[in-house]
N, C-alpha and C. Protein backbone atom coordinates (compact mmCIF):
# COMPACT_ATOMS: atom_id res chain seq x y z
N MET A 1 0.97 -1.22 -0.15
CA MET A 1 -0.04 0.08 -0.08
C MET A 1 0.92 1.21 0.03
N PRO A 2 0.76 2.18 -0.88
CA PRO A 2 1.42 3.36 -0.93
C PRO A 2 1.24 4.27 0.31
N SER A 3 2.30 5.02 0.52
CA SER A 3 2.22 5.95 1.81
C SER A 3 1.38 7.12 1.39
N LEU A 4 0.56 7.47 2.42
CA LEU A 4 -0.21 8.73 2.16
C LEU A 4 0.42 9.91 2.75
N SER A 5 1.45 9.80 3.42
CA SER A 5 2.11 10.97 3.90
C SER A 5 3.06 11.54 2.90
N PRO A 6 3.41 12.81 2.98
CA PRO A 6 4.43 13.30 1.99
C PRO A 6 5.77 12.86 2.21
N PRO A 7 6.69 12.84 1.24
CA PRO A 7 8.07 12.46 1.51
C PRO A 7 8.88 13.38 2.38
N THR A 8 9.76 12.73 3.06
CA THR A 8 10.66 13.54 4.05
C THR A 8 11.98 13.57 3.41
N LEU A 9 12.46 14.85 3.24
CA LEU A 9 13.89 15.10 2.87
C LEU A 9 14.74 15.55 3.90
N LEU A 10 15.95 15.04 3.78
CA LEU A 10 17.08 15.48 4.73
C LEU A 10 17.75 16.74 4.06
N VAL A 11 17.82 17.77 4.74
CA VAL A 11 18.41 19.09 4.19
C VAL A 11 19.56 19.57 5.16
N SER A 12 20.66 19.83 4.56
CA SER A 12 21.75 20.52 5.37
C SER A 12 21.10 21.75 6.08
N ARG A 13 21.25 21.77 7.33
CA ARG A 13 20.70 22.73 8.20
C ARG A 13 21.11 24.18 7.80
N CYS A 14 22.42 24.43 7.36
CA CYS A 14 22.65 25.74 6.95
C CYS A 14 21.98 26.17 5.71
N LEU A 15 21.50 25.27 4.95
CA LEU A 15 20.53 25.67 3.63
C LEU A 15 19.21 26.14 4.13
N ARG A 16 18.85 25.86 5.36
CA ARG A 16 17.50 26.26 5.86
C ARG A 16 17.58 27.71 6.50
N GLY A 17 18.80 28.31 6.42
CA GLY A 17 19.04 29.64 7.15
C GLY A 17 19.47 29.47 8.53
N VAL A 18 19.84 28.32 8.99
CA VAL A 18 20.45 28.30 10.41
C VAL A 18 21.90 28.48 10.33
N ALA A 19 22.28 29.38 11.33
CA ALA A 19 23.69 29.82 11.36
C ALA A 19 24.50 28.74 12.10
N CYS A 20 24.89 27.72 11.33
CA CYS A 20 25.60 26.53 11.97
C CYS A 20 26.86 26.10 11.26
N ARG A 21 27.30 26.92 10.28
CA ARG A 21 28.47 26.62 9.54
C ARG A 21 29.68 27.02 10.43
N TYR A 22 30.77 26.56 9.90
CA TYR A 22 32.10 26.62 10.75
C TYR A 22 32.35 28.08 11.00
N ASP A 23 31.90 29.03 10.12
CA ASP A 23 32.16 30.54 10.40
C ASP A 23 31.01 31.20 11.08
N GLY A 24 30.06 30.39 11.58
CA GLY A 24 28.83 30.92 12.23
C GLY A 24 27.78 31.37 11.40
N ALA A 25 27.88 31.18 10.07
CA ALA A 25 27.02 31.89 9.05
C ALA A 25 26.04 30.71 8.62
N SER A 26 25.13 30.94 7.76
CA SER A 26 24.24 30.16 7.07
C SER A 26 24.42 30.39 5.60
N ARG A 27 23.90 29.50 4.84
CA ARG A 27 23.81 29.56 3.35
C ARG A 27 22.40 29.30 2.83
N PRO A 28 21.46 30.08 3.14
CA PRO A 28 20.13 29.85 2.69
C PRO A 28 20.02 29.52 1.19
N CYS A 29 19.27 28.41 0.85
CA CYS A 29 19.10 27.87 -0.37
C CYS A 29 17.81 28.34 -1.08
N PRO A 30 17.81 29.21 -2.02
CA PRO A 30 16.55 29.50 -2.73
C PRO A 30 15.88 28.35 -3.50
N GLY A 31 16.71 27.30 -3.83
CA GLY A 31 16.14 26.14 -4.42
C GLY A 31 15.12 25.35 -3.51
N LEU A 32 15.29 25.51 -2.23
CA LEU A 32 14.30 24.84 -1.49
C LEU A 32 12.87 25.29 -1.62
N ASP A 33 12.69 26.54 -2.14
CA ASP A 33 11.44 27.08 -2.45
C ASP A 33 10.78 26.43 -3.66
N LEU A 34 11.62 25.77 -4.44
CA LEU A 34 11.16 25.06 -5.59
C LEU A 34 10.77 23.51 -5.44
N LEU A 35 10.87 23.14 -4.19
CA LEU A 35 10.32 21.75 -3.84
C LEU A 35 8.88 21.84 -3.52
N PRO A 36 8.22 20.78 -3.64
CA PRO A 36 6.75 20.76 -3.38
C PRO A 36 6.56 21.16 -1.83
N ALA A 37 5.47 22.08 -1.65
CA ALA A 37 5.38 22.70 -0.34
C ALA A 37 4.90 21.64 0.68
N ALA A 38 4.24 20.59 0.23
CA ALA A 38 3.74 19.59 1.26
C ALA A 38 4.89 18.66 1.77
N TRP A 39 6.18 18.60 1.09
CA TRP A 39 7.19 17.71 1.53
C TRP A 39 7.70 18.23 2.94
N ILE A 40 8.13 17.22 3.65
CA ILE A 40 8.77 17.53 5.04
C ILE A 40 10.28 17.65 4.93
N LEU A 41 10.72 18.79 5.39
CA LEU A 41 12.21 18.91 5.43
C LEU A 41 12.81 18.73 6.74
N LEU A 42 13.75 17.88 6.99
CA LEU A 42 14.36 17.55 8.17
C LEU A 42 15.72 18.06 8.17
N ASP A 43 16.05 19.13 9.02
CA ASP A 43 17.41 19.72 9.09
C ASP A 43 18.41 18.70 9.63
N VAL A 44 19.61 18.61 8.99
CA VAL A 44 20.69 17.91 9.52
C VAL A 44 22.03 18.69 9.36
N CYS A 45 22.96 18.67 10.47
CA CYS A 45 24.20 19.25 10.34
C CYS A 45 25.15 18.36 10.97
N PRO A 46 25.81 17.37 10.25
CA PRO A 46 26.63 16.44 10.98
C PRO A 46 27.84 17.15 11.87
N GLU A 47 28.28 18.17 11.36
CA GLU A 47 29.32 18.76 12.06
C GLU A 47 28.94 19.47 13.41
N GLU A 48 27.85 20.06 13.31
CA GLU A 48 27.26 20.50 14.70
C GLU A 48 26.75 19.43 15.48
N ASP A 49 26.12 18.47 14.98
CA ASP A 49 25.40 17.37 15.63
C ASP A 49 26.50 16.45 16.37
N VAL A 50 27.70 16.32 15.70
CA VAL A 50 28.71 15.45 16.26
C VAL A 50 29.44 16.27 17.46
N GLY A 51 29.19 17.52 17.56
CA GLY A 51 29.73 18.21 18.73
C GLY A 51 30.90 19.23 18.33
N MET A 52 31.06 19.64 17.08
CA MET A 52 32.17 20.39 16.61
C MET A 52 31.83 21.96 17.08
N GLY A 53 30.61 22.35 17.34
CA GLY A 53 30.46 23.70 17.94
C GLY A 53 30.16 24.66 16.66
N VAL A 54 29.67 25.84 17.11
CA VAL A 54 29.67 26.97 16.05
C VAL A 54 30.03 28.24 16.80
N PRO A 55 30.92 29.04 16.30
CA PRO A 55 31.72 28.75 15.20
C PRO A 55 32.75 27.60 15.50
N ARG A 56 33.50 27.10 14.53
CA ARG A 56 34.50 26.07 14.76
C ARG A 56 35.60 26.29 13.66
N PRO A 57 36.71 25.57 14.00
CA PRO A 57 37.79 25.58 12.99
C PRO A 57 37.30 24.87 11.63
N PRO A 58 37.67 25.31 10.58
CA PRO A 58 37.29 24.68 9.32
C PRO A 58 37.86 23.26 9.18
N ILE A 59 37.18 22.34 8.54
CA ILE A 59 37.68 20.95 8.36
C ILE A 59 37.98 20.74 6.92
N VAL A 60 38.74 19.71 6.69
CA VAL A 60 38.98 19.13 5.38
C VAL A 60 39.18 17.60 5.43
N LEU A 61 39.02 16.99 4.22
CA LEU A 61 39.30 15.54 4.16
C LEU A 61 40.65 15.43 3.71
N LEU A 62 41.38 14.48 4.50
CA LEU A 62 42.84 14.15 4.29
C LEU A 62 42.96 12.76 3.86
N GLN A 63 43.71 12.56 2.87
CA GLN A 63 43.96 11.05 2.50
C GLN A 63 45.40 10.69 3.03
N GLU A 64 45.38 9.98 4.15
CA GLU A 64 46.61 9.54 4.81
C GLU A 64 46.60 8.03 4.56
N GLU A 65 46.68 7.22 5.70
CA GLU A 65 46.57 5.81 5.55
C GLU A 65 45.19 5.35 5.16
N ARG A 66 44.21 6.26 5.47
CA ARG A 66 42.82 6.17 4.97
C ARG A 66 42.25 7.57 5.16
N LEU A 67 41.04 7.79 4.53
CA LEU A 67 40.42 9.06 4.57
C LEU A 67 40.03 9.54 5.98
N ARG A 68 40.54 10.74 6.23
CA ARG A 68 40.24 11.32 7.61
C ARG A 68 39.75 12.68 7.61
N LEU A 69 39.02 13.08 8.58
CA LEU A 69 38.40 14.42 8.72
C LEU A 69 39.05 15.18 9.81
N VAL A 70 39.84 16.19 9.40
CA VAL A 70 40.73 17.00 10.38
C VAL A 70 40.34 18.37 10.30
N ASP A 71 40.33 18.99 11.42
CA ASP A 71 40.21 20.52 11.53
C ASP A 71 41.51 21.25 11.46
N ARG A 72 41.41 22.60 11.36
CA ARG A 72 42.58 23.34 11.15
C ARG A 72 43.52 23.27 12.32
N ASN A 73 42.99 22.96 13.58
CA ASN A 73 43.84 22.90 14.70
C ASN A 73 44.58 21.44 14.85
N GLY A 74 44.27 20.54 13.84
CA GLY A 74 44.84 19.35 13.82
C GLY A 74 43.94 18.32 14.57
N ARG A 75 42.82 18.69 15.11
CA ARG A 75 41.93 17.64 15.69
C ARG A 75 41.39 16.73 14.67
N ASP A 76 41.46 15.44 14.90
CA ASP A 76 40.95 14.46 14.06
C ASP A 76 39.52 13.97 14.47
N TRP A 77 38.57 14.39 13.63
CA TRP A 77 37.20 14.01 13.89
C TRP A 77 36.66 12.76 13.19
N THR A 78 37.50 12.00 12.66
CA THR A 78 37.16 10.85 11.80
C THR A 78 36.25 9.92 12.53
N HIS A 79 36.71 9.33 13.72
CA HIS A 79 35.94 8.37 14.40
C HIS A 79 34.71 8.92 14.76
N GLU A 80 34.56 10.08 15.30
CA GLU A 80 33.23 10.60 15.79
C GLU A 80 32.26 10.78 14.68
N MET A 81 32.78 11.39 13.43
CA MET A 81 31.98 11.64 12.41
C MET A 81 31.51 10.22 11.69
N GLU A 82 32.44 9.31 11.63
CA GLU A 82 32.01 7.99 10.93
C GLU A 82 30.88 7.35 11.71
N SER A 83 31.21 7.40 13.04
CA SER A 83 30.12 6.74 13.94
C SER A 83 28.82 7.39 13.89
N TRP A 84 28.78 8.76 13.98
CA TRP A 84 27.58 9.46 14.03
C TRP A 84 26.86 9.30 12.61
N CYS A 85 27.53 9.41 11.57
CA CYS A 85 27.01 9.39 10.17
C CYS A 85 26.42 7.98 9.92
N ARG A 86 27.11 7.01 10.23
CA ARG A 86 26.71 5.57 10.10
C ARG A 86 25.35 5.31 10.83
N ASP A 87 25.36 5.62 12.08
CA ASP A 87 24.23 5.43 12.99
C ASP A 87 23.05 6.15 12.53
N PHE A 88 23.22 7.44 12.39
CA PHE A 88 22.11 8.41 11.99
C PHE A 88 21.63 8.05 10.57
N ALA A 89 22.39 7.74 9.59
CA ALA A 89 21.92 7.23 8.30
C ALA A 89 20.99 6.05 8.45
N ARG A 90 21.39 5.04 9.21
CA ARG A 90 20.59 3.88 9.31
C ARG A 90 19.18 4.17 9.90
N ILE A 91 19.17 5.01 10.97
CA ILE A 91 17.90 5.52 11.54
C ILE A 91 17.07 6.20 10.54
N LEU A 92 17.59 7.18 9.91
CA LEU A 92 16.77 7.99 9.02
C LEU A 92 16.22 7.20 7.81
N LEU A 93 17.13 6.33 7.29
CA LEU A 93 16.65 5.58 6.13
C LEU A 93 15.66 4.54 6.58
N LYS A 94 15.82 4.03 7.75
CA LYS A 94 14.75 3.04 8.25
C LYS A 94 13.49 3.72 8.49
N ASP A 95 13.53 4.98 8.95
CA ASP A 95 12.40 5.88 9.28
C ASP A 95 11.70 6.34 7.92
N GLY A 96 12.28 6.10 6.77
CA GLY A 96 11.60 6.40 5.52
C GLY A 96 12.06 7.77 4.81
N ALA A 97 13.22 8.23 5.28
CA ALA A 97 13.69 9.43 4.50
C ALA A 97 13.74 9.11 2.99
N ALA A 98 13.24 9.98 2.13
CA ALA A 98 13.14 9.70 0.70
C ALA A 98 14.26 10.38 -0.17
N GLY A 99 14.95 11.22 0.39
CA GLY A 99 16.12 11.93 -0.36
C GLY A 99 16.75 13.01 0.45
N ALA A 100 17.83 13.67 -0.10
CA ALA A 100 18.58 14.72 0.61
C ALA A 100 19.01 15.79 -0.24
N VAL A 101 18.95 17.01 0.22
CA VAL A 101 19.43 18.17 -0.39
C VAL A 101 20.55 18.65 0.53
N LEU A 102 21.83 18.71 0.04
CA LEU A 102 23.02 18.88 0.92
C LEU A 102 23.95 19.94 0.35
N LYS A 103 24.73 20.47 1.18
CA LYS A 103 25.57 21.62 0.87
C LYS A 103 26.64 21.23 0.01
N ALA A 104 26.81 21.84 -1.14
CA ALA A 104 27.92 21.58 -1.99
C ALA A 104 29.32 21.80 -1.29
N ARG A 105 30.23 20.92 -1.76
CA ARG A 105 31.64 21.05 -1.38
C ARG A 105 31.87 20.90 0.01
N SER A 106 30.94 20.63 0.88
CA SER A 106 31.20 20.41 2.33
C SER A 106 31.86 19.12 2.55
N PRO A 107 32.98 19.05 3.46
CA PRO A 107 33.55 17.81 3.78
C PRO A 107 32.64 16.80 4.40
N SER A 108 31.48 17.21 4.97
CA SER A 108 30.63 16.25 5.57
C SER A 108 29.39 15.99 4.63
N CYS A 109 29.01 16.96 3.94
CA CYS A 109 27.70 17.03 3.09
C CYS A 109 27.93 16.96 1.63
N GLY A 110 29.12 17.16 1.14
CA GLY A 110 29.29 17.40 -0.33
C GLY A 110 28.96 16.02 -1.02
N VAL A 111 28.27 16.25 -2.20
CA VAL A 111 27.92 15.13 -3.07
C VAL A 111 28.84 15.11 -4.18
N GLY A 112 29.86 14.33 -4.26
CA GLY A 112 30.81 14.06 -5.32
C GLY A 112 31.54 15.39 -5.86
N ASP A 113 31.68 16.37 -4.91
CA ASP A 113 32.34 17.57 -5.24
C ASP A 113 33.29 18.15 -4.12
N VAL A 114 33.76 17.13 -3.29
CA VAL A 114 34.59 17.55 -2.22
C VAL A 114 36.06 17.25 -2.55
N GLU A 115 37.05 18.32 -2.22
CA GLU A 115 38.32 18.11 -2.48
C GLU A 115 39.03 17.31 -1.29
N VAL A 116 39.98 16.45 -1.65
CA VAL A 116 40.57 15.69 -0.68
C VAL A 116 42.04 16.11 -0.76
N PHE A 117 42.66 16.32 0.37
CA PHE A 117 44.08 16.76 0.51
C PHE A 117 44.99 15.68 1.01
N GLY A 118 46.25 15.98 0.71
CA GLY A 118 47.32 15.03 1.09
C GLY A 118 47.77 15.22 2.52
N GLN A 119 49.09 15.17 2.76
CA GLN A 119 49.68 15.41 4.03
C GLN A 119 49.26 16.69 4.83
N ARG A 120 49.09 16.52 6.09
CA ARG A 120 48.73 17.56 7.00
C ARG A 120 49.62 18.85 6.78
N ALA A 121 50.94 18.52 6.81
CA ALA A 121 52.14 19.47 6.80
C ALA A 121 51.91 20.28 5.51
N ALA A 122 51.37 19.77 4.48
CA ALA A 122 51.31 20.61 3.22
C ALA A 122 50.07 21.50 3.07
N LEU A 123 49.25 21.35 4.05
CA LEU A 123 47.91 22.17 3.96
C LEU A 123 48.18 23.60 4.22
N ALA A 124 47.63 24.42 3.41
CA ALA A 124 47.49 25.84 3.64
C ALA A 124 45.98 26.05 4.02
N TRP A 125 45.66 26.68 5.12
CA TRP A 125 44.26 26.86 5.40
C TRP A 125 43.72 28.04 4.83
N PRO A 126 42.33 28.05 4.52
CA PRO A 126 41.57 26.74 4.24
C PRO A 126 42.24 26.10 3.15
N GLY A 127 41.99 24.76 2.88
CA GLY A 127 42.56 24.10 1.85
C GLY A 127 42.81 24.82 0.51
N ALA A 128 44.05 25.10 0.18
CA ALA A 128 44.31 25.93 -0.97
C ALA A 128 43.97 25.25 -2.31
N PRO A 129 43.36 26.02 -3.24
CA PRO A 129 43.13 25.37 -4.51
C PRO A 129 44.40 24.88 -5.21
N GLY A 130 44.34 23.81 -5.92
CA GLY A 130 45.59 23.21 -6.50
C GLY A 130 46.36 22.46 -5.64
N ARG A 131 45.99 22.28 -4.37
CA ARG A 131 46.75 21.39 -3.38
C ARG A 131 45.97 20.03 -3.12
N ALA A 132 44.83 20.01 -3.68
CA ALA A 132 44.08 18.80 -3.50
C ALA A 132 44.78 17.59 -4.26
N VAL A 133 44.65 16.43 -3.66
CA VAL A 133 45.21 15.23 -4.36
C VAL A 133 44.03 14.52 -5.04
N GLN A 134 42.86 14.87 -4.84
CA GLN A 134 41.60 14.37 -5.38
C GLN A 134 40.54 15.36 -5.42
N ALA A 135 39.82 15.36 -6.52
CA ALA A 135 38.48 16.15 -6.51
C ALA A 135 37.48 15.27 -6.73
N GLY A 136 36.34 15.68 -6.40
CA GLY A 136 35.07 15.04 -6.60
C GLY A 136 34.76 13.87 -5.69
N ALA A 137 35.21 14.01 -4.62
CA ALA A 137 34.88 12.95 -3.49
C ALA A 137 33.51 13.26 -2.84
N ASP A 138 33.09 12.19 -2.12
CA ASP A 138 31.80 12.55 -1.24
C ASP A 138 32.28 12.81 0.19
N GLY A 139 31.47 13.74 0.83
CA GLY A 139 31.73 14.00 2.20
C GLY A 139 31.27 12.81 3.07
N PHE A 140 31.58 12.79 4.33
CA PHE A 140 31.51 11.75 5.27
C PHE A 140 29.91 11.32 5.41
N TRP A 141 29.08 12.27 5.43
CA TRP A 141 27.66 12.02 5.57
C TRP A 141 27.11 11.27 4.41
N VAL A 142 27.47 11.74 3.20
CA VAL A 142 27.00 11.19 1.92
C VAL A 142 27.59 9.80 1.79
N GLN A 143 28.84 9.53 2.27
CA GLN A 143 29.43 8.24 2.11
C GLN A 143 28.61 7.29 2.97
N ALA A 144 28.05 7.69 4.13
CA ALA A 144 27.35 6.74 4.99
C ALA A 144 25.88 6.55 4.38
N LEU A 145 25.33 7.59 3.75
CA LEU A 145 24.04 7.40 3.11
C LEU A 145 24.22 6.33 2.03
N LYS A 146 25.17 6.53 1.19
CA LYS A 146 25.33 5.61 0.03
C LYS A 146 25.76 4.22 0.52
N ALA A 147 26.46 4.11 1.59
CA ALA A 147 26.77 2.82 2.24
C ALA A 147 25.61 1.98 2.62
N CYS A 148 24.55 2.85 3.13
CA CYS A 148 23.37 2.16 3.49
C CYS A 148 22.45 1.87 2.43
N GLU A 149 22.42 2.74 1.59
CA GLU A 149 21.52 2.60 0.26
C GLU A 149 22.10 3.24 -0.85
N PRO A 150 22.82 2.59 -1.78
CA PRO A 150 23.52 3.22 -2.89
C PRO A 150 22.60 4.12 -3.78
N SER A 151 21.36 3.80 -3.86
CA SER A 151 20.42 4.51 -4.84
C SER A 151 19.73 5.65 -4.13
N PHE A 152 20.08 5.90 -2.93
CA PHE A 152 19.35 7.08 -2.14
C PHE A 152 19.37 8.34 -2.99
N PRO A 153 18.36 8.95 -3.33
CA PRO A 153 18.40 10.19 -4.09
C PRO A 153 19.09 11.40 -3.30
N LEU A 154 20.15 11.96 -3.98
CA LEU A 154 20.89 13.01 -3.42
C LEU A 154 21.04 14.12 -4.39
N ILE A 155 21.11 15.41 -3.94
CA ILE A 155 21.43 16.49 -4.87
C ILE A 155 22.01 17.56 -3.91
N ASN A 156 22.87 18.38 -4.52
CA ASN A 156 23.50 19.48 -3.68
C ASN A 156 22.58 20.80 -4.07
N ASP A 157 22.84 21.90 -3.15
CA ASP A 157 22.11 23.04 -3.28
C ASP A 157 22.31 23.78 -4.67
N GLU A 158 23.37 23.60 -5.29
CA GLU A 158 23.61 24.20 -6.54
C GLU A 158 22.89 23.51 -7.66
N GLU A 159 22.90 22.24 -7.72
CA GLU A 159 22.24 21.41 -8.61
C GLU A 159 20.79 21.60 -8.48
N LEU A 160 20.22 21.79 -7.31
CA LEU A 160 18.92 22.04 -7.17
C LEU A 160 18.27 23.12 -8.11
N LEU A 161 19.08 24.11 -8.33
CA LEU A 161 18.68 25.26 -9.07
C LEU A 161 18.57 24.85 -10.53
N ASP A 162 19.13 23.84 -10.98
CA ASP A 162 19.13 23.41 -12.43
C ASP A 162 17.76 22.61 -12.65
N PRO A 163 16.91 23.19 -13.56
CA PRO A 163 15.60 22.55 -13.81
C PRO A 163 15.67 21.11 -14.01
N ALA A 164 16.51 20.66 -15.05
CA ALA A 164 16.70 19.30 -15.41
C ALA A 164 17.11 18.40 -14.32
N ARG A 165 18.12 18.78 -13.52
CA ARG A 165 18.61 18.05 -12.42
C ARG A 165 17.54 17.94 -11.31
N ARG A 166 16.91 19.06 -11.06
CA ARG A 166 15.82 19.13 -10.01
C ARG A 166 14.71 18.12 -10.31
N ALA A 167 14.32 17.99 -11.63
CA ALA A 167 13.24 17.22 -12.03
C ALA A 167 13.63 15.74 -11.89
N CYS A 168 14.79 15.33 -12.19
CA CYS A 168 15.36 13.95 -11.96
C CYS A 168 15.27 13.68 -10.51
N PHE A 169 15.68 14.59 -9.71
CA PHE A 169 15.75 14.32 -8.27
C PHE A 169 14.43 14.20 -7.70
N LEU A 170 13.43 14.95 -8.04
CA LEU A 170 12.09 14.99 -7.58
C LEU A 170 11.43 13.70 -8.01
N GLN A 171 11.73 13.20 -9.22
CA GLN A 171 11.15 11.97 -9.72
C GLN A 171 11.70 10.69 -8.87
N ALA A 172 13.03 10.81 -8.61
CA ALA A 172 13.62 9.76 -7.85
C ALA A 172 13.08 9.61 -6.34
N VAL A 173 12.82 10.90 -5.74
CA VAL A 173 12.29 10.95 -4.38
C VAL A 173 10.96 10.31 -4.38
N GLU A 174 10.05 10.92 -5.34
CA GLU A 174 8.78 10.26 -5.38
C GLU A 174 8.65 8.85 -5.68
N ARG A 175 9.48 8.31 -6.48
CA ARG A 175 9.49 6.89 -6.84
C ARG A 175 9.96 6.14 -5.51
N ARG A 176 11.00 6.58 -4.77
CA ARG A 176 11.47 5.93 -3.61
C ARG A 176 10.36 6.01 -2.52
N HIS A 177 9.67 7.14 -2.37
CA HIS A 177 8.59 7.32 -1.42
C HIS A 177 7.50 6.39 -1.78
N ARG A 178 7.09 6.26 -3.01
CA ARG A 178 5.95 5.42 -3.31
C ARG A 178 6.20 3.91 -3.09
N LEU A 179 7.56 3.50 -3.35
CA LEU A 179 7.85 2.07 -3.27
C LEU A 179 8.15 1.68 -1.91
N ARG A 180 8.59 2.51 -0.99
CA ARG A 180 8.78 2.00 0.35
C ARG A 180 7.59 1.94 1.26
N PRO A 181 7.56 0.83 1.91
CA PRO A 181 6.48 0.59 2.89
C PRO A 181 6.66 1.64 4.00
N PRO A 182 5.42 2.03 4.56
CA PRO A 182 5.55 3.05 5.74
C PRO A 182 6.41 2.57 6.81
N PRO A 183 7.00 3.45 7.63
CA PRO A 183 7.93 2.96 8.61
C PRO A 183 7.02 2.21 9.80
N SER A 184 7.77 1.20 10.36
CA SER A 184 7.02 0.51 11.32
C SER A 184 7.21 1.27 12.71
N ARG A 185 6.08 1.36 13.40
CA ARG A 185 6.13 2.00 14.69
C ARG A 185 6.01 1.11 15.91
């Protein structure tokens, strides 16, 4: 039986106008106004929710012996972020989240557009253009969502403004929402 409730989308909290970014700012996303009004938007900020605080030192992805999440002061957040992302992704997907609109280029929320840097000693903060050893990576939160469900509909705030990409995303969300059984209570 199809769900009668509207789809729930996960949305980077800063895109909803909440001042939760590393610099204490927000990045309101005009594309959210293009989503169906009945859809439920659930704010998520992995960096704030894992305890990094606001404001906080900027973070980057570093490729060392494995991918790490490190802030400007050298604090390694990898373990906390992996654990939070993995656990929260499982809960939200089980509860029926149908898609996500996430902040572009964010080390936690970026969808295929995050730069990965090499050695810590070589970093110029914030991560200097041209020093990345890889471009086009997923942020930690996106990696966790994809690990739980590879076909989970994802789009970044910049792509949401593109009519063709937005249409594909909306169709994928509606299809996922229609095909999933309602969450068990």
